[in-house]
N, C-alpha and C. Protein backbone atom coordinates (compact mmCIF):
# COMPACT_ATOMS: atom_id res chain seq x y z
N UNK A 1 -13.77 5.71 19.93
CA UNK A 1 -12.69 6.15 20.77
C UNK A 1 -12.17 7.52 20.34
N UNK A 2 -11.87 7.69 19.07
CA UNK A 2 -11.32 8.97 18.63
C UNK A 2 -12.41 10.00 18.38
N UNK A 3 -13.64 9.57 18.35
CA UNK A 3 -14.74 10.49 18.06
C UNK A 3 -14.75 11.69 18.99
N UNK A 4 -14.45 11.51 20.26
CA UNK A 4 -14.47 12.61 21.21
C UNK A 4 -13.12 13.30 21.36
N UNK A 5 -12.09 12.78 20.73
CA UNK A 5 -10.75 13.34 20.86
C UNK A 5 -10.54 14.49 19.87
N UNK A 6 -9.61 15.34 20.20
CA UNK A 6 -9.26 16.46 19.32
C UNK A 6 -8.59 15.94 18.05
N UNK A 7 -9.00 16.42 16.88
CA UNK A 7 -8.34 16.01 15.64
C UNK A 7 -6.84 16.31 15.64
N UNK A 8 -6.46 17.34 16.38
CA UNK A 8 -5.03 17.69 16.44
C UNK A 8 -4.19 16.56 17.01
N UNK A 9 -4.81 15.73 17.83
CA UNK A 9 -4.10 14.59 18.41
C UNK A 9 -3.61 13.64 17.32
N UNK A 10 -4.39 13.48 16.26
CA UNK A 10 -4.07 12.53 15.20
C UNK A 10 -3.34 13.15 14.02
N UNK A 11 -3.24 14.47 14.00
CA UNK A 11 -2.60 15.15 12.87
C UNK A 11 -1.49 16.08 13.32
N UNK A 12 -0.83 15.74 14.38
CA UNK A 12 0.29 16.53 14.90
C UNK A 12 1.59 15.84 14.49
N UNK A 13 2.65 16.58 14.55
CA UNK A 13 3.95 16.00 14.19
C UNK A 13 4.85 15.86 15.40
N UNK A 14 4.27 15.83 16.60
CA UNK A 14 5.11 15.70 17.78
C UNK A 14 5.04 14.28 18.33
N UNK A 15 6.14 13.78 18.85
CA UNK A 15 6.16 12.42 19.39
C UNK A 15 5.15 12.19 20.52
N UNK A 16 4.94 13.20 21.38
CA UNK A 16 3.99 13.02 22.48
C UNK A 16 2.57 12.82 21.99
N UNK A 17 2.15 13.61 21.02
CA UNK A 17 0.78 13.44 20.52
C UNK A 17 0.66 12.16 19.70
N UNK A 18 1.70 11.80 18.97
CA UNK A 18 1.67 10.52 18.23
C UNK A 18 1.46 9.36 19.20
N UNK A 19 2.19 9.36 20.30
CA UNK A 19 2.05 8.27 21.29
C UNK A 19 0.64 8.25 21.88
N UNK A 20 0.10 9.41 22.16
CA UNK A 20 -1.26 9.49 22.72
C UNK A 20 -2.27 8.96 21.72
N UNK A 21 -2.13 9.34 20.47
CA UNK A 21 -3.05 8.86 19.42
C UNK A 21 -2.93 7.34 19.26
N UNK A 22 -1.72 6.84 19.26
CA UNK A 22 -1.52 5.39 19.11
C UNK A 22 -2.13 4.63 20.28
N UNK A 23 -2.03 5.18 21.49
CA UNK A 23 -2.64 4.54 22.66
C UNK A 23 -4.15 4.43 22.49
N UNK A 24 -4.78 5.49 22.00
CA UNK A 24 -6.22 5.44 21.75
C UNK A 24 -6.54 4.38 20.70
N UNK A 25 -5.74 4.32 19.66
CA UNK A 25 -5.97 3.37 18.58
C UNK A 25 -5.84 1.91 19.06
N UNK A 26 -4.93 1.65 19.96
CA UNK A 26 -4.73 0.28 20.44
C UNK A 26 -5.98 -0.31 21.06
N UNK A 27 -6.79 0.52 21.69
CA UNK A 27 -7.99 0.05 22.37
C UNK A 27 -9.25 0.16 21.52
N UNK A 28 -9.13 0.67 20.33
CA UNK A 28 -10.29 0.98 19.50
C UNK A 28 -10.88 -0.26 18.84
N UNK A 29 -12.20 -0.45 18.92
CA UNK A 29 -12.84 -1.61 18.31
C UNK A 29 -12.94 -1.52 16.78
N UNK A 30 -12.72 -0.35 16.21
CA UNK A 30 -12.78 -0.21 14.74
C UNK A 30 -11.40 0.11 14.15
N UNK A 31 -10.37 -0.32 14.83
CA UNK A 31 -9.01 -0.03 14.39
C UNK A 31 -8.72 -0.59 12.99
N UNK A 32 -9.05 -1.85 12.77
CA UNK A 32 -8.78 -2.44 11.46
C UNK A 32 -9.53 -1.74 10.33
N UNK A 33 -10.85 -1.52 10.46
CA UNK A 33 -11.54 -0.81 9.37
C UNK A 33 -11.00 0.60 9.16
N UNK A 34 -10.62 1.26 10.25
CA UNK A 34 -10.05 2.61 10.13
C UNK A 34 -8.77 2.57 9.31
N UNK A 35 -7.90 1.64 9.64
CA UNK A 35 -6.63 1.51 8.92
C UNK A 35 -6.87 1.13 7.47
N UNK A 36 -7.75 0.18 7.24
CA UNK A 36 -8.02 -0.26 5.88
C UNK A 36 -8.60 0.87 5.04
N UNK A 37 -9.53 1.62 5.62
CA UNK A 37 -10.13 2.75 4.90
C UNK A 37 -9.08 3.79 4.56
N UNK A 38 -8.24 4.12 5.53
CA UNK A 38 -7.19 5.11 5.29
C UNK A 38 -6.27 4.66 4.16
N UNK A 39 -5.89 3.39 4.19
CA UNK A 39 -4.97 2.89 3.16
C UNK A 39 -5.62 2.88 1.78
N UNK A 40 -6.89 2.53 1.72
CA UNK A 40 -7.58 2.54 0.42
C UNK A 40 -7.69 3.96 -0.12
N UNK A 41 -8.02 4.91 0.75
CA UNK A 41 -8.11 6.30 0.31
C UNK A 41 -6.75 6.84 -0.10
N UNK A 42 -5.72 6.47 0.65
CA UNK A 42 -4.37 6.93 0.32
C UNK A 42 -3.89 6.36 -0.99
N UNK A 43 -4.26 5.13 -1.29
CA UNK A 43 -3.84 4.51 -2.55
C UNK A 43 -4.44 5.27 -3.73
N UNK A 44 -5.66 5.74 -3.56
CA UNK A 44 -6.33 6.47 -4.63
C UNK A 44 -5.76 7.88 -4.78
N UNK A 45 -5.40 8.52 -3.67
CA UNK A 45 -4.96 9.91 -3.71
C UNK A 45 -3.44 10.07 -3.66
N UNK A 46 -2.75 8.99 -3.24
CA UNK A 46 -1.30 9.02 -3.08
C UNK A 46 -0.85 10.11 -2.12
N UNK A 47 -1.66 10.38 -1.09
CA UNK A 47 -1.28 11.32 -0.02
C UNK A 47 -1.45 10.60 1.30
N UNK A 48 -0.51 10.81 2.19
CA UNK A 48 -0.58 10.19 3.51
C UNK A 48 -0.32 11.22 4.58
N UNK A 49 -1.15 11.21 5.62
CA UNK A 49 -0.96 12.13 6.73
C UNK A 49 -1.70 11.59 7.94
N UNK A 50 -1.27 11.96 9.11
CA UNK A 50 -1.96 11.62 10.34
C UNK A 50 -1.80 10.19 10.80
N UNK A 51 -2.34 9.94 11.99
CA UNK A 51 -2.36 8.60 12.58
C UNK A 51 -3.73 8.00 12.30
N UNK A 52 -3.75 6.85 11.64
CA UNK A 52 -4.98 6.11 11.37
C UNK A 52 -4.73 4.66 11.72
N UNK A 53 -5.63 4.07 12.49
CA UNK A 53 -5.46 2.68 12.86
C UNK A 53 -4.19 2.43 13.65
N UNK A 54 -3.65 3.46 14.26
CA UNK A 54 -2.44 3.33 15.06
C UNK A 54 -1.14 3.44 14.29
N UNK A 55 -1.22 3.69 12.99
CA UNK A 55 -0.02 3.77 12.16
C UNK A 55 0.18 5.18 11.62
N UNK A 56 1.45 5.57 11.52
CA UNK A 56 1.76 6.87 10.93
C UNK A 56 1.88 6.71 9.41
N UNK A 57 2.03 7.80 8.68
CA UNK A 57 2.06 7.72 7.21
C UNK A 57 3.15 6.79 6.67
N UNK A 58 4.33 6.82 7.24
CA UNK A 58 5.41 5.95 6.77
C UNK A 58 5.11 4.49 7.00
N UNK A 59 4.54 4.18 8.15
CA UNK A 59 4.19 2.78 8.45
C UNK A 59 3.10 2.27 7.53
N UNK A 60 2.12 3.11 7.24
CA UNK A 60 1.06 2.70 6.30
C UNK A 60 1.62 2.52 4.90
N UNK A 61 2.54 3.37 4.51
CA UNK A 61 3.16 3.24 3.18
C UNK A 61 3.92 1.91 3.08
N UNK A 62 4.69 1.58 4.11
CA UNK A 62 5.44 0.32 4.10
C UNK A 62 4.48 -0.88 4.09
N UNK A 63 3.40 -0.78 4.86
CA UNK A 63 2.42 -1.85 4.87
C UNK A 63 1.77 -2.00 3.50
N UNK A 64 1.44 -0.89 2.86
CA UNK A 64 0.84 -0.94 1.52
C UNK A 64 1.80 -1.56 0.51
N UNK A 65 3.06 -1.21 0.60
CA UNK A 65 4.06 -1.75 -0.33
C UNK A 65 4.30 -3.24 -0.11
N UNK A 66 3.95 -3.73 1.08
CA UNK A 66 4.17 -5.15 1.38
C UNK A 66 3.14 -6.04 0.69
N UNK A 67 2.12 -5.43 0.08
CA UNK A 67 1.13 -6.20 -0.66
C UNK A 67 -0.03 -6.68 0.21
N UNK A 68 -0.30 -6.02 1.31
CA UNK A 68 -1.39 -6.41 2.20
C UNK A 68 -2.71 -5.90 1.60
N UNK A 69 -3.27 -6.68 0.70
CA UNK A 69 -4.53 -6.32 0.05
C UNK A 69 -5.31 -7.59 -0.26
N UNK A 70 -6.47 -7.44 -0.81
CA UNK A 70 -7.25 -8.58 -1.26
C UNK A 70 -8.10 -9.21 -0.18
N UNK A 71 -8.57 -10.43 -0.43
CA UNK A 71 -9.53 -11.07 0.47
C UNK A 71 -8.99 -11.42 1.85
N UNK A 72 -7.68 -11.53 2.01
CA UNK A 72 -7.12 -11.87 3.32
C UNK A 72 -6.59 -10.64 4.04
N UNK A 73 -6.97 -9.47 3.57
CA UNK A 73 -6.44 -8.22 4.13
C UNK A 73 -6.73 -8.08 5.62
N UNK A 74 -7.92 -8.41 6.07
CA UNK A 74 -8.26 -8.23 7.48
C UNK A 74 -7.35 -9.05 8.38
N UNK A 75 -7.10 -10.28 8.02
CA UNK A 75 -6.22 -11.13 8.83
C UNK A 75 -4.79 -10.61 8.80
N UNK A 76 -4.34 -10.15 7.65
CA UNK A 76 -2.98 -9.62 7.55
C UNK A 76 -2.85 -8.31 8.32
N UNK A 77 -3.87 -7.48 8.27
CA UNK A 77 -3.85 -6.24 9.06
C UNK A 77 -3.76 -6.57 10.54
N UNK A 78 -4.55 -7.54 10.97
CA UNK A 78 -4.54 -7.92 12.39
C UNK A 78 -3.15 -8.39 12.80
N UNK A 79 -2.51 -9.19 11.98
CA UNK A 79 -1.16 -9.67 12.28
C UNK A 79 -0.18 -8.52 12.32
N UNK A 80 -0.26 -7.63 11.35
CA UNK A 80 0.64 -6.48 11.31
C UNK A 80 0.44 -5.58 12.52
N UNK A 81 -0.80 -5.37 12.91
CA UNK A 81 -1.09 -4.53 14.07
C UNK A 81 -0.55 -5.16 15.35
N UNK A 82 -0.70 -6.47 15.48
CA UNK A 82 -0.17 -7.13 16.67
C UNK A 82 1.34 -7.00 16.72
N UNK A 83 2.01 -7.12 15.59
CA UNK A 83 3.45 -6.98 15.53
C UNK A 83 3.86 -5.56 15.91
N UNK A 84 3.15 -4.56 15.40
CA UNK A 84 3.46 -3.17 15.70
C UNK A 84 3.21 -2.87 17.17
N UNK A 85 2.10 -3.36 17.70
CA UNK A 85 1.79 -3.15 19.11
C UNK A 85 2.86 -3.77 20.01
N UNK A 86 3.34 -4.92 19.60
CA UNK A 86 4.36 -5.59 20.38
C UNK A 86 5.69 -4.86 20.34
N UNK A 87 5.93 -4.14 19.23
CA UNK A 87 7.18 -3.40 19.07
C UNK A 87 7.12 -2.02 19.70
N UNK A 88 5.90 -1.54 19.99
CA UNK A 88 5.75 -0.18 20.51
C UNK A 88 6.11 -0.08 21.97
């Protein structure tokens, strides 16, 4: 889904582009792996930027602090994403 989109869509600081990026992420079949990869990389580098898996840096930080890791991570990510989608 994002492969053909402009990178600026996912790395902008404007509400309109954030909403557009999140809309693309909602329909993406690799949303969970994208989010999980971003969070793992961010944990190692302690830097957060852009929209990944439909979440902004602050949302990913809060999700990471909640302890969503380990063998049940995929199910927890799915639950968190459904909650976020419902709130959006």
